[in-house]
Amino acid sequence: MTISTPSLPLLDYFTGLNSASLSYLVALRIAPRFTQVSDLIRLSAIQNLAVLDLSDPHNTIDRPLSTFDERMLRAWVEMACPSNAKEMPRFQNLRVLLLGWQDYLDYWLFKYLNAFPQLCHVIVTDCRRMHNRNKSLWLPQVQKYGWEPRSAKRSAKSLRPIINETGDSLLGHVSGLVYESEDNLGNLLNENKADMQRKRKPVVEMWLNRPRPWAHIVDEFPGTRTVWFDRISNSRATSHEDNQQSEGLDRETQGFPRLGRRLPDGSKRARDSEPINSDADSQQRPKKLPHRLRKTERRDISELLTQFS
């Protein structure tokens, strides 16, 4: 079902898709760039939402930026884990999250995902801050929160038969990801494959606000553009300290660590503060070589992230 230009408030469509009894599941594709923040929050009304695809159309000068960012995800987490016991937890059946052409996406995403109990796959494509070429920047953080990326070739190979399920590469259906997630979801829930198949539900797929199809997965080799992440552990949940650190980041810089020298107690030294006299500093330093004789020490980005994480 495709509705390029909705004539009703989006909440009406969300209410129509909802099934409190989970008689069927929903795969929803929606473009955040054409969707208001309040409507993205109202996605929580779909209790049977199993696949959510947030894919924006081509970038142009006159089109607004995406409304999906870290603040939006924190709002979803608060609804998934309400502080009031009387409130119903939301997003309890979300299994797969697809993110395409998102301006603000970075590895901050993964520290919130354990709030969604059935989420087992995250698939990212054409996001400038997260792709296979800058893998060393985000891999340590992603693995820390219990996720593992597939290689670029395997990511594309896994997606192609699903996106091209109907034989029409321009459609790019994503509902097949519900059944693709059964093996990983069974491992998370400690259920075998036969039990997962017996619990299968029909899937309704809807497109709203002209989301961009993932036709490039079929039409061309995606190279480093697409990354498929599998959830392998629930060992680490979102920490309050991590949330506080991320709140101070600007939309243009969020997700990138700020480099600085750490003191022995773990705190950072201000740039204009007095130097610290430590044992290492008190030792005699070797005589500096002329600039032309110095060898440039190159450090891997992953080592820097490990030092300042």
Protein backbone atom coordinates (compact mmCIF):
# COMPACT_ATOMS: atom_id res chain seq x y z
CA MET A 1 0.00 0.00 0.00
CA THR A 2 1.50 3.35 -1.07
CA ILE A 3 0.26 6.81 -0.07
CA SER A 4 2.60 9.41 -1.55
CA THR A 5 0.63 12.46 -0.42
CA PRO A 6 -1.50 11.67 2.65
CA SER A 7 -4.84 13.44 2.74
CA LEU A 8 -5.50 12.61 6.40
CA PRO A 9 -3.41 13.21 9.53
CA LEU A 10 -0.75 10.54 9.80
CA LEU A 11 -2.10 9.46 13.17
CA ASP A 12 -5.23 8.24 11.38
CA TYR A 13 -3.12 5.95 9.21
CA PHE A 14 -1.16 4.75 12.23
CA THR A 15 -4.37 3.96 14.10
CA GLY A 16 -5.69 2.04 11.10
CA LEU A 17 -2.53 -0.07 10.95
CA ASN A 18 -2.56 -0.86 14.66
CA SER A 19 -3.56 -4.30 15.89
CA ALA A 20 -3.50 -4.61 19.66
CA SER A 21 -4.08 -8.38 19.40
CA LEU A 22 -1.07 -8.74 17.04
CA SER A 23 -3.19 -10.58 14.47
CA TYR A 24 -0.79 -9.21 11.85
CA LEU A 25 2.48 -7.27 11.76
CA VAL A 26 3.29 -4.00 10.02
CA ALA A 27 6.24 -2.99 7.85
CA LEU A 28 6.20 0.80 7.50
CA ARG A 29 8.33 2.88 5.14
CA ILE A 30 8.24 6.63 5.78
CA ALA A 31 10.39 9.63 4.82
CA PRO A 32 11.37 11.66 7.92
CA ARG A 33 12.21 14.67 5.76
CA PHE A 34 8.52 15.11 4.91
CA THR A 35 7.26 14.05 8.35
CA GLN A 36 6.83 16.30 11.36
CA VAL A 37 8.50 15.47 14.64
CA SER A 38 5.15 14.98 16.35
CA ASP A 39 4.13 12.40 13.74
CA LEU A 40 7.36 10.43 14.17
CA ILE A 41 6.66 10.28 17.89
CA ARG A 42 3.15 9.01 17.15
CA LEU A 43 4.63 5.94 15.45
CA SER A 44 4.41 4.44 18.93
CA ALA A 45 0.67 4.05 18.33
CA ILE A 46 1.41 1.06 16.05
CA GLN A 47 1.80 -1.73 18.60
CA ASN A 48 2.36 -4.36 15.91
CA LEU A 49 5.14 -2.43 14.13
CA ALA A 50 7.79 -4.99 13.16
CA VAL A 51 9.83 -3.25 10.41
CA LEU A 52 10.47 0.49 10.31
CA ASP A 53 12.23 2.01 7.30
CA LEU A 54 13.26 5.67 7.59
CA SER A 55 14.54 6.53 4.11
CA ASP A 56 14.63 10.06 2.74
CA PRO A 57 14.45 11.02 -0.96
CA HIS A 58 17.23 12.66 -2.95
CA ASN A 59 18.82 15.77 -1.47
CA THR A 60 17.90 19.09 -3.03
CA ILE A 61 18.34 22.69 -1.93
CA ASP A 62 14.67 23.35 -1.26
CA ARG A 63 13.98 20.23 0.80
CA PRO A 64 14.17 20.28 4.61
CA LEU A 65 16.58 18.17 6.65
CA SER A 66 15.57 14.91 8.25
CA THR A 67 13.60 15.07 11.49
CA PHE A 68 15.22 11.86 12.77
CA ASP A 69 18.09 12.51 15.16
CA GLU A 70 19.30 11.48 18.62
CA ARG A 71 16.58 13.44 20.41
CA MET A 72 13.91 11.59 18.47
CA LEU A 73 15.41 8.22 19.36
CA ARG A 74 15.60 9.18 23.03
CA ALA A 75 11.89 10.00 22.90
CA TRP A 76 11.19 6.53 21.53
CA VAL A 77 13.31 4.95 24.24
CA GLU A 78 11.32 6.76 26.93
CA MET A 79 8.13 5.32 25.46
CA ALA A 80 9.65 1.85 25.15
CA CYS A 81 10.78 1.96 28.81
CA PRO A 82 8.25 4.20 30.60
CA SER A 83 9.04 5.30 34.14
CA ASN A 84 5.37 5.02 35.10
CA ALA A 85 4.36 1.40 35.57
CA LYS A 86 0.81 2.24 34.44
CA GLU A 87 1.97 3.28 30.98
CA MET A 88 2.11 0.70 28.22
CA PRO A 89 5.60 0.06 26.82
CA ARG A 90 5.85 0.89 23.11
CA PHE A 91 7.87 -0.55 20.22
CA GLN A 92 7.84 -3.98 21.85
CA ASN A 93 7.54 -5.84 18.53
CA LEU A 94 10.01 -3.85 16.45
CA ARG A 95 12.42 -6.32 14.85
CA VAL A 96 14.17 -4.47 12.03
CA LEU A 97 15.18 -0.82 11.66
CA LEU A 98 16.30 0.51 8.27
CA LEU A 99 17.94 3.92 7.96
CA GLY A 100 18.70 5.43 4.58
CA TRP A 101 20.16 8.82 3.64
CA GLN A 102 20.02 10.16 7.21
CA ASP A 103 22.03 13.32 7.87
CA TYR A 104 22.63 12.93 11.61
CA LEU A 105 23.08 9.19 11.97
CA ASP A 106 26.20 8.06 13.81
CA TYR A 107 27.22 5.36 16.29
CA TRP A 108 25.23 7.10 19.06
CA LEU A 109 22.33 5.06 17.64
CA PHE A 110 23.48 1.79 19.16
CA LYS A 111 23.63 2.82 22.80
CA TYR A 112 19.82 3.17 22.80
CA LEU A 113 18.81 0.05 20.90
CA ASN A 114 18.71 -2.37 23.84
CA ALA A 115 15.54 -0.56 24.93
CA PHE A 116 13.72 -2.40 22.11
CA PRO A 117 13.50 -6.04 23.25
CA GLN A 118 12.91 -7.67 19.85
CA LEU A 119 15.11 -5.46 17.69
CA CYS A 120 17.67 -7.79 16.10
CA HIS A 121 18.71 -6.11 12.81
CA VAL A 122 19.69 -2.57 11.86
CA ILE A 123 20.46 -1.82 8.21
CA VAL A 124 22.09 1.45 7.15
CA THR A 125 22.69 2.77 3.65
CA ASP A 126 24.15 6.00 2.24
CA CYS A 127 24.62 7.68 5.62
CA ARG A 128 27.69 9.88 5.40
CA ARG A 129 28.84 9.27 8.97
CA MET A 130 28.42 5.49 8.95
CA HIS A 131 29.64 3.32 6.10
CA ASN A 132 32.32 0.71 5.51
CA ARG A 133 35.02 3.20 4.60
CA ASN A 134 35.03 4.82 8.05
CA LYS A 135 34.48 1.53 9.86
CA SER A 136 37.39 2.12 12.24
CA LEU A 137 35.55 5.15 13.66
CA TRP A 138 32.38 3.38 14.74
CA LEU A 139 33.20 -0.34 15.05
CA PRO A 140 34.50 -0.29 18.67
CA GLN A 141 31.41 1.59 19.86
CA VAL A 142 29.00 -0.64 17.96
CA GLN A 143 30.55 -3.82 19.35
CA LYS A 144 30.54 -2.37 22.87
CA TYR A 145 26.73 -2.29 22.79
CA GLY A 146 26.36 -5.85 21.52
CA TRP A 147 26.10 -5.41 17.73
CA GLU A 148 28.19 -6.81 14.91
CA PRO A 149 28.33 -5.53 11.30
CA ARG A 150 28.34 -7.78 8.26
CA SER A 151 30.82 -7.18 5.47
CA ALA A 152 29.78 -4.95 2.57
CA LYS A 153 29.43 -7.91 0.22
CA ARG A 154 27.43 -9.99 2.68
CA SER A 155 25.19 -7.03 3.55
CA ALA A 156 24.25 -6.55 -0.10
CA LYS A 157 23.89 -10.28 -0.68
CA SER A 158 21.51 -10.60 2.28
CA LEU A 159 19.34 -7.69 1.15
CA ARG A 160 19.02 -8.35 -2.58
CA PRO A 161 16.55 -11.27 -2.46
CA ILE A 162 14.38 -9.39 0.04
CA ILE A 163 14.32 -6.03 -1.75
CA ASN A 164 13.72 -7.79 -5.07
CA GLU A 165 11.20 -10.29 -3.71
CA THR A 166 8.54 -9.38 -6.28
CA GLY A 167 10.98 -9.27 -9.18
CA ASP A 168 10.58 -5.50 -9.56
CA SER A 169 13.70 -3.67 -8.38
CA LEU A 170 11.87 -0.33 -8.31
CA LEU A 171 9.53 -1.45 -5.55
CA GLY A 172 12.03 -2.40 -2.86
CA HIS A 173 9.65 -4.15 -0.48
CA VAL A 174 10.95 -4.66 3.06
CA SER A 175 8.24 -6.88 4.58
CA GLY A 176 10.37 -9.98 3.91
CA LEU A 177 12.72 -8.81 6.65
CA VAL A 178 10.14 -9.95 9.21
CA TYR A 179 10.77 -13.59 8.28
CA GLU A 180 14.50 -13.01 7.75
CA SER A 181 14.74 -11.90 11.39
CA GLU A 182 13.28 -15.11 12.82
CA ASP A 183 16.59 -16.91 13.39
CA ASN A 184 18.25 -14.03 15.22
CA LEU A 185 15.10 -13.20 17.16
CA GLY A 186 14.79 -16.83 18.22
CA ASN A 187 18.31 -16.70 19.64
CA LEU A 188 17.49 -13.54 21.61
CA LEU A 189 14.26 -15.03 22.96
CA ASN A 190 15.73 -18.53 23.48
CA GLU A 191 13.22 -20.10 21.11
CA ASN A 192 13.97 -22.60 18.36
CA LYS A 193 13.26 -22.14 14.68
CA ALA A 194 10.16 -24.35 14.68
CA ASP A 195 8.54 -22.29 17.44
CA MET A 196 9.26 -19.06 15.57
CA GLN A 197 7.69 -20.42 12.39
CA ARG A 198 4.55 -21.52 14.24
CA LYS A 199 4.15 -17.97 15.55
CA ARG A 200 4.39 -16.39 12.11
CA LYS A 201 1.96 -13.58 11.36
CA PRO A 202 0.91 -12.03 8.06
CA VAL A 203 2.61 -8.72 7.27
CA VAL A 204 1.05 -5.51 5.95
CA GLU A 205 3.44 -3.07 4.26
CA MET A 206 2.72 0.64 3.81
CA TRP A 207 4.69 3.51 2.26
CA LEU A 208 4.00 7.05 3.45
CA ASN A 209 5.39 10.43 2.32
CA ARG A 210 7.44 9.17 -0.63
CA PRO A 211 10.23 7.17 1.05
CA ARG A 212 13.15 6.43 -1.23
CA PRO A 213 13.32 2.75 -2.30
CA TRP A 214 16.55 0.82 -1.87
CA ALA A 215 16.72 -0.01 -5.56
CA HIS A 216 20.49 0.48 -5.63
CA ILE A 217 20.87 -2.82 -3.76
CA VAL A 218 19.59 -4.60 -6.88
CA ASP A 219 20.55 -2.22 -9.67
CA GLU A 220 24.21 -1.73 -8.81
CA PHE A 221 26.88 -3.09 -6.51
CA PRO A 222 26.62 -0.92 -3.37
CA GLY A 223 30.27 -1.23 -2.38
CA THR A 224 30.76 0.50 0.96
CA ARG A 225 27.36 2.20 1.06
CA THR A 226 25.35 -0.39 2.97
CA VAL A 227 25.98 -2.02 6.36
CA TRP A 228 23.82 -4.74 7.94
CA PHE A 229 24.14 -4.98 11.75
CA ASP A 230 23.15 -8.05 13.77
CA ARG A 231 22.35 -7.96 17.46
CA ILE A 232 24.46 -10.55 19.20
CA SER A 233 24.20 -9.58 22.87
CA ASN A 234 22.02 -7.82 25.43
CA SER A 235 25.00 -7.36 27.72
CA ARG A 236 24.98 -3.56 27.85
CA ALA A 237 22.00 -1.25 28.26
CA THR A 238 21.93 2.49 27.85
CA SER A 239 23.74 4.16 30.73
CA HIS A 240 22.72 7.46 32.28
CA GLU A 241 26.28 8.72 31.90
CA ASP A 242 26.26 8.04 28.15
CA ASN A 243 22.98 9.91 27.76
CA GLN A 244 24.30 12.94 29.61
CA GLN A 245 27.42 13.07 27.46
CA SER A 246 25.43 12.96 24.25
CA GLU A 247 22.98 15.70 25.25
CA GLY A 248 25.66 18.35 24.98
CA LEU A 249 26.66 17.46 21.43
CA ASP A 250 25.64 19.69 18.57
CA ARG A 251 23.62 18.17 15.72
CA GLU A 252 26.54 18.66 13.38
CA THR A 253 29.11 17.12 15.74
CA GLN A 254 27.17 14.61 17.83
CA GLY A 255 28.67 11.16 17.92
CA PHE A 256 32.30 12.30 17.58
CA PRO A 257 34.43 12.17 20.76
CA ARG A 258 36.20 15.31 21.88
CA LEU A 259 39.90 14.71 22.19
CA GLY A 260 41.79 15.94 25.25
CA ARG A 261 44.37 14.86 27.79
CA ARG A 262 43.02 12.85 30.72
CA LEU A 263 44.25 13.29 34.27
CA PRO A 264 45.13 10.33 36.53
CA ASP A 265 41.69 10.52 38.17
CA GLY A 266 39.97 10.15 34.80
CA SER A 267 38.94 13.79 34.39
CA LYS A 268 40.02 16.01 31.53
CA ARG A 269 42.53 18.83 31.93
CA ALA A 270 41.46 22.21 30.64
CA ARG A 271 43.56 23.66 27.87
CA ASP A 272 44.60 26.71 29.94
CA SER A 273 45.20 24.92 33.26
CA GLU A 274 48.56 24.32 34.90
CA PRO A 275 50.50 21.22 33.89
CA ILE A 276 50.38 18.17 36.10
CA ASN A 277 53.59 16.91 37.73
CA SER A 278 53.43 13.15 37.42
CA ASP A 279 56.11 10.47 37.61
CA ALA A 280 56.17 10.22 33.87
CA ASP A 281 56.59 13.99 33.52
CA SER A 282 59.40 14.13 36.12
CA GLN A 283 61.57 11.70 34.22
CA GLN A 284 64.28 13.10 32.01
CA ARG A 285 62.98 13.57 28.52
CA PRO A 286 65.10 12.67 25.51
CA LYS A 287 66.61 15.45 23.49
CA LYS A 288 64.39 16.49 20.62
CA LEU A 289 65.62 15.77 17.14
CA PRO A 290 65.60 18.36 14.37
CA HIS A 291 62.27 18.53 12.60
CA ARG A 292 63.64 17.00 9.43
CA LEU A 293 64.90 13.95 11.34
CA ARG A 294 61.72 13.28 13.25
CA LYS A 295 59.57 10.35 12.25
CA THR A 296 55.86 11.00 12.15
CA GLU A 297 54.01 8.63 14.43
CA ARG A 298 50.81 7.50 12.85
CA ARG A 299 48.14 6.17 15.12
CA ASP A 300 45.11 4.25 14.08
CA ILE A 301 41.76 5.99 14.63
CA SER A 302 40.45 2.99 16.59
CA GLU A 303 43.30 3.46 19.12
CA LEU A 304 42.27 7.08 19.61
CA LEU A 305 38.66 6.08 20.21
CA THR A 306 39.75 3.45 22.71
CA GLN A 307 41.84 6.01 24.59
CA PHE A 308 39.11 8.64 24.89
CA SER A 309 36.02 6.49 25.14
